[in-house]
C-alpha atoms as a PDB file:
ATOM      1  CA  MET A   1      14.760  36.349  83.582  1.00  0.00           C
ATOM      2  CA  LYS A   2      14.950  38.044  79.555  1.00  0.00           C
ATOM      3  CA  THR A   3      17.085  34.283  79.011  1.00  0.00           C
ATOM      4  CA  LEU A   4      14.220  32.412  80.762  1.00  0.00           C
ATOM      5  CA  GLY A   5      11.447  34.195  78.363  1.00  0.00           C
ATOM      6  CA  VAL A   6      14.075  33.803  75.467  1.00  0.00           C
ATOM      7  CA  LEU A   7      14.262  29.634  75.992  1.00  0.00           C
ATOM      8  CA  ILE A   8      10.360  29.470  75.783  1.00  0.00           C
ATOM      9  CA  VAL A   9       9.894  31.428  72.824  1.00  0.00           C
ATOM     10  CA  MET A  10      12.240  29.445  70.471  1.00  0.00           C
ATOM     11  CA  GLY A  11      10.669  26.169  72.812  1.00  0.00           C
ATOM     12  CA  VAL A  12       6.103  27.154  71.179  1.00  0.00           C
ATOM     13  CA  PHE A  13       8.343  28.325  67.576  1.00  0.00           C
ATOM     14  CA  PHE A  14       9.620  24.600  67.772  1.00  0.00           C
ATOM     15  CA  VAL A  15       6.766  22.783  69.474  1.00  0.00           C
ATOM     16  CA  ASP A  16       4.909  24.719  65.449  1.00  0.00           C
ATOM     17  CA  SER A  17       6.995  23.580  63.341  1.00  0.00           C
ATOM     18  CA  LEU A  18       6.894  19.849  64.980  1.00  0.00           C
ATOM     19  CA  ASN A  19       3.078  19.893  64.470  1.00  0.00           C
ATOM     20  CA  ILE A  20       3.560  21.874  60.969  1.00  0.00           C
ATOM     21  CA  SER A  21       6.317  19.228  60.083  1.00  0.00           C
ATOM     22  CA  ARG A  22       3.409  16.401  60.951  1.00  0.00           C
ATOM     23  CA  SER A  23       1.508  18.541  60.013  1.00  0.00           C
ATOM     24  CA  SER A  24       2.632  17.869  56.503  1.00  0.00           C
ATOM     25  CA  GLU A  25       1.700  14.008  56.171  1.00  0.00           C
ATOM     26  CA  PHE A  26      -1.757  12.421  55.941  1.00  0.00           C
ATOM     27  CA  ILE A  27      -1.689   9.672  57.915  1.00  0.00           C
ATOM     28  CA  PRO A  28      -4.139   6.964  57.155  1.00  0.00           C
ATOM     29  CA  THR A  29      -6.387   4.657  58.781  1.00  0.00           C
ATOM     30  CA  ASP A  30      -9.537   2.651  57.849  1.00  0.00           C
ATOM     31  CA  GLU A  31     -11.659   5.313  57.881  1.00  0.00           C
ATOM     32  CA  TRP A  32     -12.641   7.983  55.867  1.00  0.00           C
ATOM     33  CA  LYS A  33     -10.989  10.892  57.283  1.00  0.00           C
ATOM     34  CA  GLU A  34      -9.980  13.751  55.897  1.00  0.00           C
ATOM     35  CA  ILE A  35      -7.348  15.240  54.095  1.00  0.00           C
ATOM     36  CA  LEU A  36      -6.572  18.682  54.885  1.00  0.00           C
ATOM     37  CA  PRO A  37      -4.775  21.420  52.798  1.00  0.00           C
ATOM     38  CA  GLY A  38      -1.365  21.118  52.272  1.00  0.00           C
ATOM     39  CA  GLN A  39      -0.677  17.393  53.478  1.00  0.00           C
ATOM     40  CA  ILE A  40       0.819  14.996  51.712  1.00  0.00           C
ATOM     41  CA  ILE A  41      -0.258  11.764  50.606  1.00  0.00           C
ATOM     42  CA  PRO A  42       1.264   8.687  50.734  1.00  0.00           C
ATOM     43  CA  PRO A  43       0.143   6.193  47.486  1.00  0.00           C
ATOM     44  CA  GLY A  44      -2.258   3.257  47.980  1.00  0.00           C
ATOM     45  CA  LEU A  45      -4.795   4.445  49.492  1.00  0.00           C
ATOM     46  CA  HIS A  46      -9.141   5.451  48.818  1.00  0.00           C
ATOM     47  CA  VAL A  47      -9.260   9.158  47.866  1.00  0.00           C
ATOM     48  CA  ARG A  48     -13.208  10.053  47.619  1.00  0.00           C
ATOM     49  CA  GLN A  49     -14.912  14.135  47.333  1.00  0.00           C
ATOM     50  CA  ASN A  50     -17.487  13.887  49.878  1.00  0.00           C
ATOM     51  CA  LEU A  51     -20.140  16.071  48.016  1.00  0.00           C
ATOM     52  CA  GLN A  52     -21.954  16.317  51.011  1.00  0.00           C
ATOM     53  CA  THR A  53     -19.320  18.799  53.003  1.00  0.00           C
ATOM     54  CA  GLY A  54     -16.854  19.573  50.149  1.00  0.00           C
ATOM     55  CA  PHE A  55     -13.423  17.509  51.848  1.00  0.00           C
ATOM     56  CA  THR A  56     -11.525  15.599  50.505  1.00  0.00           C
ATOM     57  CA  GLU A  57     -11.086  12.255  51.908  1.00  0.00           C
ATOM     58  CA  ALA A  58      -9.068   9.153  52.476  1.00  0.00           C
ATOM     59  CA  ARG A  59      -8.873   5.939  54.397  1.00  0.00           C
ATOM     60  CA  LEU A  60      -6.774   2.776  53.633  1.00  0.00           C
ATOM     61  CA  MET A  61      -7.632   0.129  50.637  1.00  0.00           C
ATOM     62  CA  ASN A  62      -9.481  -2.432  50.899  1.00  0.00           C
ATOM     63  CA  ASN A  63      -8.842  -6.109  49.552  1.00  0.00           C
ATOM     64  CA  LYS A  64     -12.563  -6.122  49.161  1.00  0.00           C
ATOM     65  CA  SER A  65     -13.042  -3.317  46.290  1.00  0.00           C
ATOM     66  CA  ASN A  66      -9.851  -2.549  43.961  1.00  0.00           C
ATOM     67  CA  GLU A  67     -12.171  -0.508  41.904  1.00  0.00           C
ATOM     68  CA  SER A  68     -13.550   3.064  41.385  1.00  0.00           C
ATOM     69  CA  TYR A  69     -17.178   2.578  42.729  1.00  0.00           C
ATOM     70  CA  VAL A  70     -20.667   5.116  43.139  1.00  0.00           C
ATOM     71  CA  ASN A  71     -22.099   5.283  45.997  1.00  0.00           C
ATOM     72  CA  THR A  72     -25.614   6.199  44.746  1.00  0.00           C
ATOM     73  CA  ASN A  73     -27.534   6.585  48.301  1.00  0.00           C
ATOM     74  CA  ASN A  74     -24.670   8.812  49.875  1.00  0.00           C
ATOM     75  CA  ASN A  75     -24.315  10.914  46.574  1.00  0.00           C
ATOM     76  CA  ILE A  76     -20.108   9.884  46.857  1.00  0.00           C
ATOM     77  CA  THR A  77     -18.441   9.491  44.002  1.00  0.00           C
ATOM     78  CA  GLY A  78     -14.979   7.028  45.282  1.00  0.00           C
ATOM     79  CA  ILE A  79     -12.203   7.384  42.566  1.00  0.00           C
ATOM     80  CA  ALA A  80      -9.675   4.331  43.229  1.00  0.00           C
ATOM     81  CA  LEU A  81      -5.757   4.971  42.955  1.00  0.00           C
ATOM     82  CA  LEU A  82      -5.379   1.434  41.719  1.00  0.00           C
ATOM     83  CA  SER A  83      -1.382   2.056  40.643  1.00  0.00           C
ATOM     84  CA  GLN A  84      -0.018  -0.317  43.361  1.00  0.00           C
ATOM     85  CA  SER A  85      -2.624  -3.031  43.436  1.00  0.00           C
ATOM     86  CA  THR A  86      -2.386  -3.101  38.945  1.00  0.00           C
ATOM     87  CA  GLN A  87       1.151  -3.652  39.939  1.00  0.00           C
ATOM     88  CA  ASN A  88       1.302  -6.341  42.310  1.00  0.00           C
ATOM     89  CA  ARG A  89      -1.435  -8.036  40.197  1.00  0.00           C
ATOM     90  CA  ALA A  90       0.843  -7.773  37.489  1.00  0.00           C
ATOM     91  CA  GLY A  91       3.827  -9.138  39.232  1.00  0.00           C
ATOM     92  CA  ASP A  92       0.961 -11.999  40.528  1.00  0.00           C
ATOM     93  CA  THR A  93       0.019 -13.453  37.049  1.00  0.00           C
ATOM     94  CA  SER A  94       3.604 -12.177  34.912  1.00  0.00           C
ATOM     95  CA  GLY A  95       4.071 -16.031  35.180  1.00  0.00           C
ATOM     96  CA  HIS A  96       0.447 -17.625  34.158  1.00  0.00           C
ATOM     97  CA  HIS A  97       0.567 -15.198  31.016  1.00  0.00           C
ATOM     98  CA  SER A  98       3.773 -16.214  29.543  1.00  0.00           C
ATOM     99  CA  VAL A  99       3.286 -19.785  30.256  1.00  0.00           C
ATOM    100  CA  LYS A 100       0.233 -19.383  28.855  1.00  0.00           C
ATOM    101  CA  ASN A 101       1.606 -17.896  25.494  1.00  0.00           C
ATOM    102  CA  ARG A 102       3.955 -19.857  25.361  1.00  0.00           C
ATOM    103  CA  GLN A 103       1.066 -22.412  24.666  1.00  0.00           C
ATOM    104  CA  ARG A 104      -0.521 -20.833  21.932  1.00  0.00           C
ATOM    105  CA  PHE A 105       2.639 -18.860  20.296  1.00  0.00           C
ATOM    106  CA  ARG A 106       5.457 -21.082  18.723  1.00  0.00           C
ATOM    107  CA  SER A 107       8.559 -19.798  18.564  1.00  0.00           C
ATOM    108  CA  TYR A 108      10.436 -17.748  16.003  1.00  0.00           C
ATOM    109  CA  GLU A 109      12.831 -20.813  16.089  1.00  0.00           C
ATOM    110  CA  GLU A 110      10.136 -23.645  16.193  1.00  0.00           C
ATOM    111  CA  LEU A 111       8.646 -21.617  13.085  1.00  0.00           C
ATOM    112  CA  ARG A 112      12.070 -21.029  11.095  1.00  0.00           C
ATOM    113  CA  THR A 113      12.271 -24.893  11.492  1.00  0.00           C
ATOM    114  CA  ASP A 114       9.229 -25.347  10.116  1.00  0.00           C
ATOM    115  CA  PHE A 115       9.474 -23.376   7.023  1.00  0.00           C
ATOM    116  CA  GLN A 116      12.843 -25.115   6.443  1.00  0.00           C
ATOM    117  CA  LYS A 117      11.195 -28.522   6.459  1.00  0.00           C
ATOM    118  CA  MET A 118       8.060 -27.269   4.581  1.00  0.00           C
ATOM    119  CA  ASN A 119      11.123 -26.521   2.380  1.00  0.00           C
ATOM    120  CA  VAL A 120       9.062 -22.269   1.854  1.00  0.00           C
ATOM    121  CA  GLY A 121      11.347 -19.454   1.959  1.00  0.00           C
ATOM    122  CA  VAL A 122      10.718 -15.553   1.993  1.00  0.00           C
ATOM    123  CA  ARG A 123      11.345 -14.586  -1.878  1.00  0.00           C
ATOM    124  CA  THR A 124      12.111 -11.276  -3.078  1.00  0.00           C
ATOM    125  CA  ASP A 125      10.075  -9.976  -6.287  1.00  0.00           C
ATOM    126  CA  ALA A 126      13.762 -10.480  -8.469  1.00  0.00           C
ATOM    127  CA  GLU A 127      13.616 -13.895  -7.209  1.00  0.00           C
ATOM    128  CA  ILE A 128       9.959 -14.594  -8.311  1.00  0.00           C
ATOM    129  CA  ILE A 129       9.920 -12.743 -12.081  1.00  0.00           C
ATOM    130  CA  ASN A 130      13.108 -14.041 -11.574  1.00  0.00           C
ATOM    131  CA  GLU A 131      11.721 -17.542 -11.564  1.00  0.00           C
ATOM    132  CA  ILE A 132       8.869 -17.360 -13.665  1.00  0.00           C
ATOM    133  CA  CYS A 133      11.490 -15.876 -16.824  1.00  0.00           C
ATOM    134  CA  LEU A 134      13.382 -19.508 -16.264  1.00  0.00           C
ATOM    135  CA  GLU A 135       9.961 -21.516 -16.595  1.00  0.00           C
ATOM    136  CA  LEU A 136       8.858 -19.588 -19.415  1.00  0.00           C
ATOM    137  CA  GLU A 137      12.153 -20.119 -21.242  1.00  0.00           C
ATOM    138  CA  ASP A 138      10.465 -24.112 -21.100  1.00  0.00           C
ATOM    139  CA  GLY A 139       9.661 -25.756 -24.061  1.00  0.00           C
ATOM    140  CA  ASN A 140       7.449 -27.830 -22.328  1.00  0.00           C
ATOM    141  CA  VAL A 141       5.784 -26.044 -20.748  1.00  0.00           C
ATOM    142  CA  THR A 142       1.271 -25.822 -21.629  1.00  0.00           C
ATOM    143  CA  ASN A 143      -0.313 -22.808 -22.949  1.00  0.00           C
ATOM    144  CA  GLU A 144      -2.456 -23.186 -19.128  1.00  0.00           C
ATOM    145  CA  ARG A 145       0.498 -22.810 -17.355  1.00  0.00           C
ATOM    146  CA  LEU A 146       2.012 -19.578 -19.922  1.00  0.00           C
ATOM    147  CA  GLU A 147      -1.319 -17.963 -19.003  1.00  0.00           C
ATOM    148  CA  VAL A 148      -0.309 -18.628 -15.524  1.00  0.00           C
ATOM    149  CA  LEU A 149       2.910 -17.574 -15.400  1.00  0.00           C
ATOM    150  CA  LEU A 150       2.515 -14.691 -18.122  1.00  0.00           C
ATOM    151  CA  GLU A 151      -0.088 -14.090 -14.939  1.00  0.00           C
ATOM    152  CA  ASP A 152       2.245 -14.040 -12.547  1.00  0.00           C
ATOM    153  CA  LEU A 153       4.370 -12.016 -14.376  1.00  0.00           C
ATOM    154  CA  SER A 154       1.961  -9.470 -15.293  1.00  0.00           C
ATOM    155  CA  TYR A 155       0.721  -8.783 -11.416  1.00  0.00           C
ATOM    156  CA  TYR A 156       4.734  -7.854 -10.646  1.00  0.00           C
ATOM    157  CA  LEU A 157       6.073  -6.432 -13.866  1.00  0.00           C
ATOM    158  CA  HIS A 158       3.185  -3.507 -13.152  1.00  0.00           C
ATOM    159  CA  GLN A 159       5.620  -2.147 -10.186  1.00  0.00           C
ATOM    160  CA  ILE A 160       8.341   0.093 -11.651  1.00  0.00           C
ATOM    161  CA  ASP A 161      11.128  -1.365 -10.315  1.00  0.00           C
ATOM    162  CA  ASN A 162      10.278  -5.310 -10.777  1.00  0.00           C
ATOM    163  CA  ALA A 163      10.052  -3.852 -14.308  1.00  0.00           C
ATOM    164  CA  LYS A 164      13.048  -2.373 -14.792  1.00  0.00           C
ATOM    165  CA  ILE A 165      14.665  -5.361 -13.315  1.00  0.00           C
ATOM    166  CA  PHE A 166      12.919  -7.184 -15.692  1.00  0.00           C
ATOM    167  CA  ALA A 167      14.198  -5.305 -18.712  1.00  0.00           C
ATOM    168  CA  ASN A 168      17.467  -5.043 -17.417  1.00  0.00           C
ATOM    169  CA  ASN A 169      18.257  -8.600 -17.250  1.00  0.00           C
ATOM    170  CA  GLY A 170      17.140  -9.047 -20.995  1.00  0.00           C
ATOM    171  CA  ASN A 171      14.104 -10.651 -19.979  1.00  0.00           C
ATOM    172  CA  PHE A 172      12.424  -8.428 -22.867  1.00  0.00           C
ATOM    173  CA  PRO A 173      12.877 -11.268 -25.901  1.00  0.00           C
ATOM    174  CA  LEU A 174      10.881 -14.390 -23.587  1.00  0.00           C
ATOM    175  CA  ILE A 175       7.638 -12.096 -24.301  1.00  0.00           C
ATOM    176  CA  LEU A 176       8.234 -11.121 -27.328  1.00  0.00           C
ATOM    177  CA  LYS A 177       8.760 -13.908 -28.464  1.00  0.00           C
ATOM    178  CA  LEU A 178       5.468 -15.076 -27.202  1.00  0.00           C
ATOM    179  CA  LEU A 179       3.377 -13.041 -29.471  1.00  0.00           C
ATOM    180  CA  LEU A 180       3.817 -15.199 -32.359  1.00  0.00           C
ATOM    181  CA  HIS A 181       2.312 -17.987 -30.093  1.00  0.00           C
ATOM    182  CA  PRO A 182      -0.318 -19.792 -32.082  1.00  0.00           C
ATOM    183  CA  ASP A 183      -2.513 -20.222 -28.440  1.00  0.00           C
ATOM    184  CA  HIS A 184      -4.706 -16.520 -29.159  1.00  0.00           C
ATOM    185  CA  ARG A 185      -5.315 -16.953 -25.234  1.00  0.00           C
ATOM    186  CA  VAL A 186      -1.798 -17.199 -24.794  1.00  0.00           C
ATOM    187  CA  LYS A 187      -0.150 -13.907 -26.853  1.00  0.00           C
ATOM    188  CA  LYS A 188      -3.339 -11.827 -24.739  1.00  0.00           C
ATOM    189  CA  LYS A 189      -1.741 -12.393 -22.038  1.00  0.00           C
ATOM    190  CA  ALA A 190       1.808 -11.642 -23.174  1.00  0.00           C
ATOM    191  CA  LEU A 191       0.133  -8.903 -24.097  1.00  0.00           C
ATOM    192  CA  GLN A 192      -0.866  -7.185 -20.900  1.00  0.00           C
ATOM    193  CA  ALA A 193       2.610  -8.313 -18.863  1.00  0.00           C
ATOM    194  CA  ILE A 194       4.521  -5.938 -21.724  1.00  0.00           C
ATOM    195  CA  GLY A 195       1.832  -3.440 -21.694  1.00  0.00           C
ATOM    196  CA  ALA A 196       2.107  -3.558 -17.733  1.00  0.00           C
ATOM    197  CA  ALA A 197       6.013  -2.995 -17.680  1.00  0.00           C
ATOM    198  CA  ILE A 198       6.024  -0.128 -20.257  1.00  0.00           C
ATOM    199  CA  GLN A 199       2.693   1.598 -18.970  1.00  0.00           C
ATOM    200  CA  GLY A 200       4.133   5.169 -18.027  1.00  0.00           C
ATOM    201  CA  ASN A 201       8.268   3.491 -17.308  1.00  0.00           C
ATOM    202  CA  SER A 202      10.421   5.180 -19.873  1.00  0.00           C
ATOM    203  CA  GLU A 203      13.648   3.083 -19.430  1.00  0.00           C
ATOM    204  CA  VAL A 204      11.426  -0.023 -19.888  1.00  0.00           C
ATOM    205  CA  LYS A 205      10.123   1.497 -22.845  1.00  0.00           C
ATOM    206  CA  ALA A 206      13.809   2.728 -23.868  1.00  0.00           C
ATOM    207  CA  ILE A 207      14.198  -1.147 -23.996  1.00  0.00           C
ATOM    208  CA  ALA A 208      11.591  -2.040 -25.224  1.00  0.00           C
ATOM    209  CA  LEU A 209      11.754  -0.374 -27.907  1.00  0.00           C
ATOM    210  CA  ARG A 210      15.610  -1.286 -28.513  1.00  0.00           C
ATOM    211  CA  GLU A 211      14.527  -5.861 -28.779  1.00  0.00           C
ATOM    212  CA  GLY A 212      11.801  -4.264 -31.575  1.00  0.00           C
ATOM    213  CA  ILE A 213       8.534  -4.468 -29.763  1.00  0.00           C
ATOM    214  CA  LEU A 214       7.360  -1.744 -32.183  1.00  0.00           C
ATOM    215  CA  GLU A 215       7.977  -4.326 -35.049  1.00  0.00           C
ATOM    216  CA  LYS A 216       5.899  -7.609 -33.366  1.00  0.00           C
ATOM    217  CA  LEU A 217       3.059  -5.595 -32.588  1.00  0.00           C
ATOM    218  CA  HIS A 218       2.635  -3.195 -35.964  1.00  0.00           C
ATOM    219  CA  TYR A 219       3.188  -7.149 -36.686  1.00  0.00           C
ATOM    220  CA  ILE A 220       1.032  -9.223 -34.496  1.00  0.00           C
ATOM    221  CA  LEU A 221      -2.262  -6.170 -35.307  1.00  0.00           C
ATOM    222  CA  LYS A 222      -1.550  -6.344 -39.804  1.00  0.00           C
ATOM    223  CA  ALA A 223      -1.737  -9.794 -39.501  1.00  0.00           C
ATOM    224  CA  ASN A 224      -5.166 -10.033 -36.805  1.00  0.00           C
ATOM    225  CA  LEU A 225      -6.712  -7.622 -39.660  1.00  0.00           C
ATOM    226  CA  ASP A 226      -7.167 -10.142 -41.729  1.00  0.00           C
ATOM    227  CA  GLU A 227      -7.611 -12.941 -39.268  1.00  0.00           C
ATOM    228  CA  GLN A 228     -11.693 -14.736 -40.121  1.00  0.00           C
ATOM    229  CA  ASN A 229     -12.620 -15.520 -36.594  1.00  0.00           C
ATOM    230  CA  TYR A 230     -13.288 -12.100 -35.328  1.00  0.00           C
ATOM    231  CA  THR A 231     -13.621 -12.815 -32.037  1.00  0.00           C
ATOM    232  CA  LYS A 232      -9.781 -13.964 -31.951  1.00  0.00           C
ATOM    233  CA  SER A 233      -8.731 -11.864 -34.018  1.00  0.00           C
ATOM    234  CA  SER A 234     -10.786  -8.721 -31.641  1.00  0.00           C
ATOM    235  CA  GLU A 235      -9.338  -9.480 -28.843  1.00  0.00           C
ATOM    236  CA  ILE A 236      -5.893  -9.556 -29.778  1.00  0.00           C
ATOM    237  CA  LEU A 237      -6.473  -6.318 -31.591  1.00  0.00           C
ATOM    238  CA  LEU A 238      -8.387  -4.962 -28.345  1.00  0.00           C
ATOM    239  CA  GLY A 239      -4.991  -5.803 -26.872  1.00  0.00           C
ATOM    240  CA  GLY A 240      -2.767  -4.942 -29.307  1.00  0.00           C
ATOM    241  CA  ILE A 241      -3.438  -1.245 -28.946  1.00  0.00           C
ATOM    242  CA  LEU A 242      -3.711  -1.044 -25.269  1.00  0.00           C
ATOM    243  CA  THR A 243      -0.499  -2.222 -25.761  1.00  0.00           C
ATOM    244  CA  LEU A 244       1.358   0.268 -28.828  1.00  0.00           C
ATOM    245  CA  GLY A 245      -0.824   2.985 -26.695  1.00  0.00           C
ATOM    246  CA  ALA A 246       1.561   1.906 -23.546  1.00  0.00           C
ATOM    247  CA  LEU A 247       4.165   2.285 -25.556  1.00  0.00           C
ATOM    248  CA  LEU A 248       3.497   5.658 -27.512  1.00  0.00           C
ATOM    249  CA  ARG A 249       1.819   8.522 -25.100  1.00  0.00           C
ATOM    250  CA  HIS A 250       4.569  10.307 -23.759  1.00  0.00           C
ATOM    251  CA  PHE A 251       7.752   8.550 -25.620  1.00  0.00           C
ATOM    252  CA  PRO A 252       8.359  11.184 -28.488  1.00  0.00           C
ATOM    253  CA  LEU A 253      10.628   8.742 -29.919  1.00  0.00           C
ATOM    254  CA  SER A 254       8.506   5.496 -30.503  1.00  0.00           C
ATOM    255  CA  GLN A 255       5.708   7.733 -32.354  1.00  0.00           C
ATOM    256  CA  LYS A 256       8.683   8.951 -34.881  1.00  0.00           C
ATOM    257  CA  GLN A 257       8.534   5.546 -35.965  1.00  0.00           C
ATOM    258  CA  PHE A 258       6.182   4.101 -35.134  1.00  0.00           C
ATOM    259  CA  PHE A 259       4.807   6.589 -37.721  1.00  0.00           C
ATOM    260  CA  PHE A 260       6.829   8.558 -39.753  1.00  0.00           C
ATOM    261  CA  THR A 261      10.059   5.123 -40.481  1.00  0.00           C
ATOM    262  CA  VAL A 262       8.885   4.212 -44.125  1.00  0.00           C
ATOM    263  CA  GLN A 263       9.228   0.627 -42.990  1.00  0.00           C
ATOM    264  CA  PHE A 264       6.095  -0.171 -41.765  1.00  0.00           C
ATOM    265  CA  GLN A 265       3.743  -1.760 -44.111  1.00  0.00           C
ATOM    266  CA  PRO A 266       0.983  -0.418 -44.383  1.00  0.00           C
ATOM    267  CA  THR A 267       2.283   3.027 -41.710  1.00  0.00           C
ATOM    268  CA  GLY A 268       1.441   3.255 -38.652  1.00  0.00           C
ATOM    269  CA  TYR A 269      -1.918   6.121 -39.224  1.00  0.00           C
ATOM    270  CA  GLU A 270      -3.391   3.737 -41.718  1.00  0.00           C
ATOM    271  CA  LEU A 271      -2.593   0.351 -39.633  1.00  0.00           C
ATOM    272  CA  LEU A 272      -4.331   2.252 -36.771  1.00  0.00           C
ATOM    273  CA  SER A 273      -7.242   3.611 -39.673  1.00  0.00           C
ATOM    274  CA  GLN A 274      -8.094   0.091 -40.893  1.00  0.00           C
ATOM    275  CA  ILE A 275      -8.469  -1.239 -37.557  1.00  0.00           C
ATOM    276  CA  ALA A 276     -10.703   1.723 -37.030  1.00  0.00           C
ATOM    277  CA  SER A 277     -13.002   1.537 -39.707  1.00  0.00           C
ATOM    278  CA  LEU A 278     -13.308  -3.280 -38.865  1.00  0.00           C
ATOM    279  CA  ASP A 279     -16.481  -4.044 -39.551  1.00  0.00           C
ATOM    280  CA  ALA A 280     -17.552  -7.166 -37.868  1.00  0.00           C
ATOM    281  CA  PRO A 281     -20.583  -9.214 -39.348  1.00  0.00           C
ATOM    282  CA  ASP A 282     -21.267 -10.919 -36.577  1.00  0.00           C
ATOM    283  CA  ASN A 283     -20.458  -7.897 -33.151  1.00  0.00           C
ATOM    284  CA  GLU A 284     -20.686  -4.442 -34.042  1.00  0.00           C
ATOM    285  CA  ALA A 285     -20.139  -3.620 -30.603  1.00  0.00           C
ATOM    286  CA  ILE A 286     -16.262  -4.897 -30.817  1.00  0.00           C
ATOM    287  CA  SER A 287     -15.838  -2.590 -34.202  1.00  0.00           C
ATOM    288  CA  ARG A 288     -17.340   0.332 -32.048  1.00  0.00           C
ATOM    289  CA  LYS A 289     -15.062  -0.780 -29.020  1.00  0.00           C
ATOM    290  CA  LEU A 290     -11.943  -1.169 -31.428  1.00  0.00           C
ATOM    291  CA  CYS A 291     -13.254   2.474 -33.256  1.00  0.00           C
ATOM    292  CA  VAL A 292     -12.870   4.098 -29.745  1.00  0.00           C
ATOM    293  CA  ARG A 293      -9.686   2.952 -28.392  1.00  0.00           C
ATOM    294  CA  VAL A 294      -7.994   3.774 -31.942  1.00  0.00           C
ATOM    295  CA  ILE A 295      -9.673   7.439 -31.125  1.00  0.00           C
ATOM    296  CA  THR A 296      -8.818   7.607 -28.159  1.00  0.00           C
ATOM    297  CA  LEU A 297      -4.944   7.135 -28.966  1.00  0.00           C
ATOM    298  CA  LEU A 298      -4.543   9.909 -31.614  1.00  0.00           C
ATOM    299  CA  THR A 299      -6.666  11.790 -29.453  1.00  0.00           C
ATOM    300  CA  ASP A 300      -3.928  11.819 -26.854  1.00  0.00           C
ATOM    301  CA  LEU A 301      -1.259  11.510 -29.115  1.00  0.00           C
ATOM    302  CA  TYR A 302      -2.094  15.299 -30.304  1.00  0.00           C
ATOM    303  CA  SER A 303      -2.867  16.461 -26.810  1.00  0.00           C
ATOM    304  CA  GLU A 304       0.577  15.497 -26.045  1.00  0.00           C
ATOM    305  CA  ARG A 305       1.590  17.968 -29.463  1.00  0.00           C
ATOM    306  CA  VAL A 306      -0.363  20.513 -28.317  1.00  0.00           C
ATOM    307  CA  SER A 307       0.717  21.167 -24.606  1.00  0.00           C
ATOM    308  CA  SER A 308       4.737  20.433 -25.748  1.00  0.00           C
ATOM    309  CA  PHE A 309       3.372  23.607 -28.189  1.00  0.00           C
ATOM    310  CA  LEU A 310       1.985  25.191 -25.536  1.00  0.00           C
ATOM    311  CA  GLU A 311       4.726  24.301 -23.220  1.00  0.00           C
ATOM    312  CA  LEU A 312       6.874  26.324 -25.393  1.00  0.00           C
ATOM    313  CA  LEU A 313       4.843  29.601 -25.942  1.00  0.00           C
ATOM    314  CA  PHE A 314       4.616  29.704 -22.020  1.00  0.00           C
ATOM    315  CA  PRO A 315       7.254  28.378 -19.356  1.00  0.00           C
ATOM    316  CA  ASP A 316       4.218  28.345 -16.784  1.00  0.00           C
ATOM    317  CA  PHE A 317       1.917  25.666 -18.964  1.00  0.00           C
ATOM    318  CA  SER A 318       3.333  23.022 -17.314  1.00  0.00           C
ATOM    319  CA  VAL A 319       3.231  23.032 -14.028  1.00  0.00           C
ATOM    320  CA  ILE A 320      -0.366  23.461 -14.838  1.00  0.00           C
ATOM    321  CA  LEU A 321       0.425  20.516 -17.024  1.00  0.00           C
ATOM    322  CA  LEU A 322       2.197  18.933 -14.515  1.00  0.00           C
ATOM    323  CA  ARG A 323      -1.017  18.662 -11.306  1.00  0.00           C
ATOM    324  CA  LYS A 324      -3.133  17.834 -14.204  1.00  0.00           C
ATOM    325  CA  ARG A 325      -1.317  14.854 -15.316  1.00  0.00           C
ATOM    326  CA  LEU A 326      -0.550  13.745 -10.824  1.00  0.00           C
ATOM    327  CA  CYS A 327      -4.594  14.522 -10.615  1.00  0.00           C
ATOM    328  CA  THR A 328      -4.860  12.141 -14.016  1.00  0.00           C
ATOM    329  CA  SER A 329      -2.118   9.606 -13.566  1.00  0.00           C
ATOM    330  CA  GLU A 330      -3.898   7.462 -10.999  1.00  0.00           C
ATOM    331  CA  TYR A 331      -6.936   7.733 -12.933  1.00  0.00           C
ATOM    332  CA  MET A 332      -4.866   6.185 -16.374  1.00  0.00           C
ATOM    333  CA  THR A 333      -3.538   3.320 -14.216  1.00  0.00           C
ATOM    334  CA  THR A 334      -6.477   2.514 -12.688  1.00  0.00           C
ATOM    335  CA  SER A 335      -8.897   2.260 -16.272  1.00  0.00           C
ATOM    336  CA  TYR A 336      -5.821   0.866 -18.049  1.00  0.00           C
ATOM    337  CA  GLU A 337      -6.246  -2.083 -15.768  1.00  0.00           C
ATOM    338  CA  HIS A 338      -9.577  -2.310 -16.330  1.00  0.00           C
ATOM    339  CA  ASN A 339      -9.434  -2.291 -19.949  1.00  0.00           C
ATOM    340  CA  MET A 340      -6.710  -4.477 -19.735  1.00  0.00           C
ATOM    341  CA  SER A 341      -8.764  -7.242 -17.822  1.00  0.00           C
ATOM    342  CA  VAL A 342     -12.065  -6.736 -20.273  1.00  0.00           C
END
């Protein structure tokens, strides 16, 4: 009797466990069906929250409805789980998209073949600079072409690494030679290229100094002081002062040679003084601009001397000065490029 009772109890527990396991799996139908707590929802079903009853309901996917929707009549918000249907659509259309993309875009091999036919290849900045220098060496280049080449060269030499490559390859004499060109527009472009190369680049400044850039700048500034055509000479003087300032700023060796070397006649100070006091009879604006640029250059050099002295007296002053230079370096570069374009 006891054995029979035990078997009955075990049977009841077994039936309950089957019901629990079955109830943990949600079996969907075509109609909305309530999801009981703890039930596992298979993927690919419509699931919604019934705002009237507060129950969560689900049903099988309907082929006519694959997107989320809102039933405003019954205030029921439907949330569609489209992962399976999206995968199916992606699998069906992947072949179509690949064919369409092949029709719109060419492959890398086709592009490379086309570029080879056009003799167009990807070139580095160093290769382009080398090609420009080779063309500058040609004595049959027209003045108009020289202006274009020097303009392109200025663009590449604004980058410090490109300027170093240019200087280390011994190309500075090419531009220095053009400072003596008879056409004043070529001279102006040559000054721009030199200024772009040496601006904020101590290594290139040292190379340019060894190549005799100070002597060339002193010569053209002095020569254009005596020029009768003030329109042409003023352009060279303005560009020459900017290039000279790019060389002298933050480079004490060039400052020492320019201001304290007896080989320059007139001396550096005397030359700048004559430029600042130049009187252009037909254009007072040019005279004022020359004076302002000379005073600005001398003021900057004086500030450097004062800052160097203060750095010796106050070690922490160098940190303050560094912050100031970092904040103003971008402005100075932009200002120089703007002035060279004037």
